Amino acid sequence: MRVGEALRLDRSDLSPGEGLLTIRDSKFGKSRQLLLHPSTVSALGCYLRRRGELSPVPGEPALLVHPAGNRLNYPAVPYTFRVLLGRAGIQPRSERCRPAIYGLRHSFAVSTLIRWYREGADVQARLPQLSTWLGHADPKWTYWYYSDSRVIPIPAPLPA
């Protein structure tokens, strides 16, 4: 999802029992639901429990909060991302090649396309699904990932 979409999430947008996350009023005023992997639901549950123990503002409706207890805002994201990278032991390859939060979205899209090719899936038929996951109003906007010149050429599907 987009960074702004994540920042606008409220706790009520998470339905752990159903494994769903509702993204409301996104780009172009659209809303969508994302099916979450069980490990993601579990991690979010742990986060919310820990947040409840530590938060100075336990009633804050936001899903993602700053350590001060209020909703995480956009200017805090790059700093928080760098802190989390450090805690995870992820180092930049160079001063000019540093992990960036928007790269997570790009990596998700490209790795999904590569996986589909390797599985022998009909990528053209599945592109609308990826488009929905990314929140694109039209699959034509998803073709950017499909034709991104920075992406290593996608290998042919592996033989069965």
C-alpha atoms as a PDB file:
ATOM      1  CA  MET A   1       0.000   0.000   0.000  1.00  0.00           C
ATOM      2  CA  ARG A   2       1.030   3.614  -0.274  1.00  0.00           C
ATOM      3  CA  VAL A   3       2.657   5.299   2.725  1.00  0.00           C
ATOM      4  CA  GLY A   4      -0.226   7.761   3.036  1.00  0.00           C
ATOM      5  CA  GLU A   5      -2.713   4.889   3.054  1.00  0.00           C
ATOM      6  CA  ALA A   6      -0.846   3.199   5.900  1.00  0.00           C
ATOM      7  CA  LEU A   7      -0.718   6.433   7.901  1.00  0.00           C
ATOM      8  CA  ARG A   8      -4.493   6.937   7.584  1.00  0.00           C
ATOM      9  CA  LEU A   9      -5.334   3.441   8.859  1.00  0.00           C
ATOM     10  CA  ASP A  10      -7.349   3.215  12.060  1.00  0.00           C
ATOM     11  CA  ARG A  11      -7.455   0.203  14.350  1.00  0.00           C
ATOM     12  CA  SER A  12     -11.044  -0.329  13.214  1.00  0.00           C
ATOM     13  CA  ASP A  13      -9.758  -0.906   9.653  1.00  0.00           C
ATOM     14  CA  LEU A  14      -8.122  -4.143  10.777  1.00  0.00           C
ATOM     15  CA  SER A  15     -10.336  -7.233  11.005  1.00  0.00           C
ATOM     16  CA  PRO A  16      -7.965  -9.853  12.426  1.00  0.00           C
ATOM     17  CA  GLY A  17     -10.602 -12.590  12.587  1.00  0.00           C
ATOM     18  CA  GLU A  18     -11.234 -12.234   8.865  1.00  0.00           C
ATOM     19  CA  GLY A  19      -7.616 -11.443   8.036  1.00  0.00           C
ATOM     20  CA  LEU A  20      -8.648  -8.250   6.267  1.00  0.00           C
ATOM     21  CA  LEU A  21      -7.366  -4.712   6.183  1.00  0.00           C
ATOM     22  CA  THR A  22      -9.671  -2.018   4.800  1.00  0.00           C
ATOM     23  CA  ILE A  23      -8.034   0.937   3.089  1.00  0.00           C
ATOM     24  CA  ARG A  24     -10.576   3.749   2.955  1.00  0.00           C
ATOM     25  CA  ASP A  25     -10.792   6.777   0.695  1.00  0.00           C
ATOM     26  CA  SER A  26      -7.502   6.160  -1.027  1.00  0.00           C
ATOM     27  CA  LYS A  27      -6.223   7.789  -4.183  1.00  0.00           C
ATOM     28  CA  PHE A  28      -9.142   8.843  -6.385  1.00  0.00           C
ATOM     29  CA  GLY A  29     -11.498   8.351  -3.399  1.00  0.00           C
ATOM     30  CA  LYS A  30     -11.543   4.563  -3.748  1.00  0.00           C
ATOM     31  CA  SER A  31     -11.543   2.015  -0.947  1.00  0.00           C
ATOM     32  CA  ARG A  32     -10.340  -1.568  -1.040  1.00  0.00           C
ATOM     33  CA  GLN A  33      -9.757  -4.551   1.210  1.00  0.00           C
ATOM     34  CA  LEU A  34      -6.513  -6.468   1.421  1.00  0.00           C
ATOM     35  CA  LEU A  35      -6.376 -10.084   2.506  1.00  0.00           C
ATOM     36  CA  LEU A  36      -3.550 -10.442   5.026  1.00  0.00           C
ATOM     37  CA  HIS A  37      -1.281 -13.437   5.466  1.00  0.00           C
ATOM     38  CA  PRO A  38      -1.811 -15.104   8.875  1.00  0.00           C
ATOM     39  CA  SER A  39       1.742 -14.143   9.891  1.00  0.00           C
ATOM     40  CA  THR A  40       0.898 -10.484   9.193  1.00  0.00           C
ATOM     41  CA  VAL A  41      -2.274 -10.723  11.272  1.00  0.00           C
ATOM     42  CA  SER A  42      -0.233 -12.257  14.101  1.00  0.00           C
ATOM     43  CA  ALA A  43       2.474  -9.566  13.866  1.00  0.00           C
ATOM     44  CA  LEU A  44      -0.137  -6.797  13.909  1.00  0.00           C
ATOM     45  CA  GLY A  45      -1.773  -8.410  16.936  1.00  0.00           C
ATOM     46  CA  CYS A  46       1.573  -8.448  18.777  1.00  0.00           C
ATOM     47  CA  TYR A  47       2.169  -4.826  17.776  1.00  0.00           C
ATOM     48  CA  LEU A  48      -1.259  -3.737  19.060  1.00  0.00           C
ATOM     49  CA  ARG A  49      -0.815  -5.583  22.371  1.00  0.00           C
ATOM     50  CA  ARG A  50       2.617  -4.042  22.924  1.00  0.00           C
ATOM     51  CA  ARG A  51       1.353  -0.650  21.847  1.00  0.00           C
ATOM     52  CA  GLY A  52      -1.468  -0.937  24.382  1.00  0.00           C
ATOM     53  CA  GLU A  53       1.066  -1.639  27.128  1.00  0.00           C
ATOM     54  CA  LEU A  54       3.374   1.253  26.236  1.00  0.00           C
ATOM     55  CA  SER A  55       1.232   3.970  24.676  1.00  0.00           C
ATOM     56  CA  PRO A  56       0.786   7.221  26.579  1.00  0.00           C
ATOM     57  CA  VAL A  57      -2.416   7.692  24.504  1.00  0.00           C
ATOM     58  CA  PRO A  58      -4.138   4.271  24.581  1.00  0.00           C
ATOM     59  CA  GLY A  59      -7.372   5.584  23.057  1.00  0.00           C
ATOM     60  CA  GLU A  60      -5.708   6.851  19.848  1.00  0.00           C
ATOM     61  CA  PRO A  61      -7.721   5.392  16.950  1.00  0.00           C
ATOM     62  CA  ALA A  62      -4.743   5.266  14.554  1.00  0.00           C
ATOM     63  CA  LEU A  63      -3.325   1.850  13.741  1.00  0.00           C
ATOM     64  CA  LEU A  64       0.254   3.113  13.430  1.00  0.00           C
ATOM     65  CA  VAL A  65       1.451   5.482  16.110  1.00  0.00           C
ATOM     66  CA  HIS A  66       4.529   7.511  16.958  1.00  0.00           C
ATOM     67  CA  PRO A  67       6.241   6.628  20.271  1.00  0.00           C
ATOM     68  CA  ALA A  68       4.538   9.720  21.718  1.00  0.00           C
ATOM     69  CA  GLY A  69       1.234   7.893  21.210  1.00  0.00           C
ATOM     70  CA  ASN A  70      -0.244  10.017  18.437  1.00  0.00           C
ATOM     71  CA  ARG A  71      -0.848   9.054  14.800  1.00  0.00           C
ATOM     72  CA  LEU A  72       2.372   8.594  12.883  1.00  0.00           C
ATOM     73  CA  ASN A  73       2.747  11.437  10.367  1.00  0.00           C
ATOM     74  CA  TYR A  74       4.527  11.582   7.032  1.00  0.00           C
ATOM     75  CA  PRO A  75       7.595  13.571   8.171  1.00  0.00           C
ATOM     76  CA  ALA A  76       8.284  10.923  10.843  1.00  0.00           C
ATOM     77  CA  VAL A  77       8.225   8.035   8.354  1.00  0.00           C
ATOM     78  CA  PRO A  78      11.762   8.319   6.878  1.00  0.00           C
ATOM     79  CA  TYR A  79      13.304   8.625  10.349  1.00  0.00           C
ATOM     80  CA  THR A  80      11.251   5.725  11.735  1.00  0.00           C
ATOM     81  CA  PHE A  81      12.117   3.625   8.679  1.00  0.00           C
ATOM     82  CA  ARG A  82      15.863   4.289   9.180  1.00  0.00           C
ATOM     83  CA  VAL A  83      15.590   3.352  12.867  1.00  0.00           C
ATOM     84  CA  LEU A  84      13.805   0.103  11.994  1.00  0.00           C
ATOM     85  CA  LEU A  85      16.393  -0.716   9.304  1.00  0.00           C
ATOM     86  CA  GLY A  86      19.148  -0.239  11.869  1.00  0.00           C
ATOM     87  CA  ARG A  87      17.411  -2.448  14.414  1.00  0.00           C
ATOM     88  CA  ALA A  88      16.977  -5.119  11.740  1.00  0.00           C
ATOM     89  CA  GLY A  89      20.660  -4.872  10.813  1.00  0.00           C
ATOM     90  CA  ILE A  90      19.945  -3.743   7.252  1.00  0.00           C
ATOM     91  CA  GLN A  91      22.724  -1.507   5.958  1.00  0.00           C
ATOM     92  CA  PRO A  92      22.806   0.615   2.795  1.00  0.00           C
ATOM     93  CA  ARG A  93      24.912  -0.754  -0.051  1.00  0.00           C
ATOM     94  CA  SER A  94      26.414   2.702  -0.521  1.00  0.00           C
ATOM     95  CA  GLU A  95      25.686   6.346   0.298  1.00  0.00           C
ATOM     96  CA  ARG A  96      23.682   6.619  -2.927  1.00  0.00           C
ATOM     97  CA  CYS A  97      21.979   3.225  -2.714  1.00  0.00           C
ATOM     98  CA  ARG A  98      19.939   3.245   0.453  1.00  0.00           C
ATOM     99  CA  PRO A  99      16.755   1.340   1.277  1.00  0.00           C
ATOM    100  CA  ALA A 100      13.711   3.588   0.950  1.00  0.00           C
ATOM    101  CA  ILE A 101      10.190   2.953   2.133  1.00  0.00           C
ATOM    102  CA  TYR A 102       8.665   3.423  -1.323  1.00  0.00           C
ATOM    103  CA  GLY A 103      10.958   0.619  -2.510  1.00  0.00           C
ATOM    104  CA  LEU A 104       8.916  -1.872  -0.492  1.00  0.00           C
ATOM    105  CA  ARG A 105       5.875  -1.261  -2.702  1.00  0.00           C
ATOM    106  CA  HIS A 106       7.975  -1.515  -5.852  1.00  0.00           C
ATOM    107  CA  SER A 107       9.675  -4.712  -4.643  1.00  0.00           C
ATOM    108  CA  PHE A 108       6.309  -6.266  -3.827  1.00  0.00           C
ATOM    109  CA  ALA A 109       4.964  -5.524  -7.309  1.00  0.00           C
ATOM    110  CA  VAL A 110       8.045  -6.734  -9.174  1.00  0.00           C
ATOM    111  CA  SER A 111       8.571  -9.865  -7.060  1.00  0.00           C
ATOM    112  CA  THR A 112       4.887 -10.771  -7.534  1.00  0.00           C
ATOM    113  CA  LEU A 113       5.286 -10.490 -11.317  1.00  0.00           C
ATOM    114  CA  ILE A 114       8.480 -12.570 -11.269  1.00  0.00           C
ATOM    115  CA  ARG A 115       6.818 -15.232  -9.105  1.00  0.00           C
ATOM    116  CA  TRP A 116       3.842 -15.428 -11.456  1.00  0.00           C
ATOM    117  CA  TYR A 117       6.148 -15.855 -14.457  1.00  0.00           C
ATOM    118  CA  ARG A 118       8.126 -18.573 -12.707  1.00  0.00           C
ATOM    119  CA  GLU A 119       4.882 -20.363 -11.799  1.00  0.00           C
ATOM    120  CA  GLY A 120       3.806 -20.234 -15.434  1.00  0.00           C
ATOM    121  CA  ALA A 121       0.751 -18.130 -14.567  1.00  0.00           C
ATOM    122  CA  ASP A 122      -1.096 -16.060 -17.140  1.00  0.00           C
ATOM    123  CA  VAL A 123       0.414 -12.750 -16.007  1.00  0.00           C
ATOM    124  CA  GLN A 124      -1.771 -10.636 -18.291  1.00  0.00           C
ATOM    125  CA  ALA A 125      -4.894 -12.213 -16.782  1.00  0.00           C
ATOM    126  CA  ARG A 126      -3.622 -11.681 -13.220  1.00  0.00           C
ATOM    127  CA  LEU A 127      -2.480  -8.085 -13.714  1.00  0.00           C
ATOM    128  CA  PRO A 128      -5.880  -6.687 -12.584  1.00  0.00           C
ATOM    129  CA  GLN A 129      -5.395  -8.547  -9.271  1.00  0.00           C
ATOM    130  CA  LEU A 130      -2.003  -6.898  -8.721  1.00  0.00           C
ATOM    131  CA  SER A 131      -3.540  -3.595  -9.763  1.00  0.00           C
ATOM    132  CA  THR A 132      -6.209  -3.962  -7.063  1.00  0.00           C
ATOM    133  CA  TRP A 133      -3.618  -4.843  -4.404  1.00  0.00           C
ATOM    134  CA  LEU A 134      -1.646  -1.718  -5.323  1.00  0.00           C
ATOM    135  CA  GLY A 135      -4.767   0.450  -5.348  1.00  0.00           C
ATOM    136  CA  HIS A 136      -4.483   1.459  -8.991  1.00  0.00           C
ATOM    137  CA  ALA A 137      -7.668   2.840 -10.514  1.00  0.00           C
ATOM    138  CA  ASP A 138      -6.905   1.007 -13.756  1.00  0.00           C
ATOM    139  CA  PRO A 139      -4.540  -1.898 -14.588  1.00  0.00           C
ATOM    140  CA  LYS A 140      -2.809   0.317 -17.151  1.00  0.00           C
ATOM    141  CA  TRP A 141      -1.065   2.057 -14.218  1.00  0.00           C
ATOM    142  CA  THR A 142       0.332  -1.292 -13.089  1.00  0.00           C
ATOM    143  CA  TYR A 143       2.135  -1.776 -16.420  1.00  0.00           C
ATOM    144  CA  TRP A 144       4.835   0.583 -15.148  1.00  0.00           C
ATOM    145  CA  TYR A 145       6.079  -2.226 -12.906  1.00  0.00           C
ATOM    146  CA  TYR A 146       5.685  -4.703 -15.741  1.00  0.00           C
ATOM    147  CA  SER A 147       7.858  -2.687 -18.105  1.00  0.00           C
ATOM    148  CA  ASP A 148      10.223  -1.006 -15.639  1.00  0.00           C
ATOM    149  CA  SER A 149      13.619  -0.886 -17.342  1.00  0.00           C
ATOM    150  CA  ARG A 150      15.357  -1.163 -13.957  1.00  0.00           C
ATOM    151  CA  VAL A 151      13.966  -4.644 -13.474  1.00  0.00           C
ATOM    152  CA  ILE A 152      16.151  -7.578 -14.456  1.00  0.00           C
ATOM    153  CA  PRO A 153      14.557  -9.414 -17.395  1.00  0.00           C
ATOM    154  CA  ILE A 154      12.076 -11.950 -16.112  1.00  0.00           C
ATOM    155  CA  PRO A 155      13.222 -15.525 -16.777  1.00  0.00           C
ATOM    156  CA  ALA A 156      11.062 -18.070 -18.511  1.00  0.00           C
ATOM    157  CA  PRO A 157       8.985 -20.322 -16.243  1.00  0.00           C
ATOM    158  CA  LEU A 158      10.932 -23.224 -14.802  1.00  0.00           C
ATOM    159  CA  PRO A 159      10.188 -26.613 -16.354  1.00  0.00           C
ATOM    160  CA  ALA A 160       7.731 -28.728 -14.405  1.00  0.00           C
END
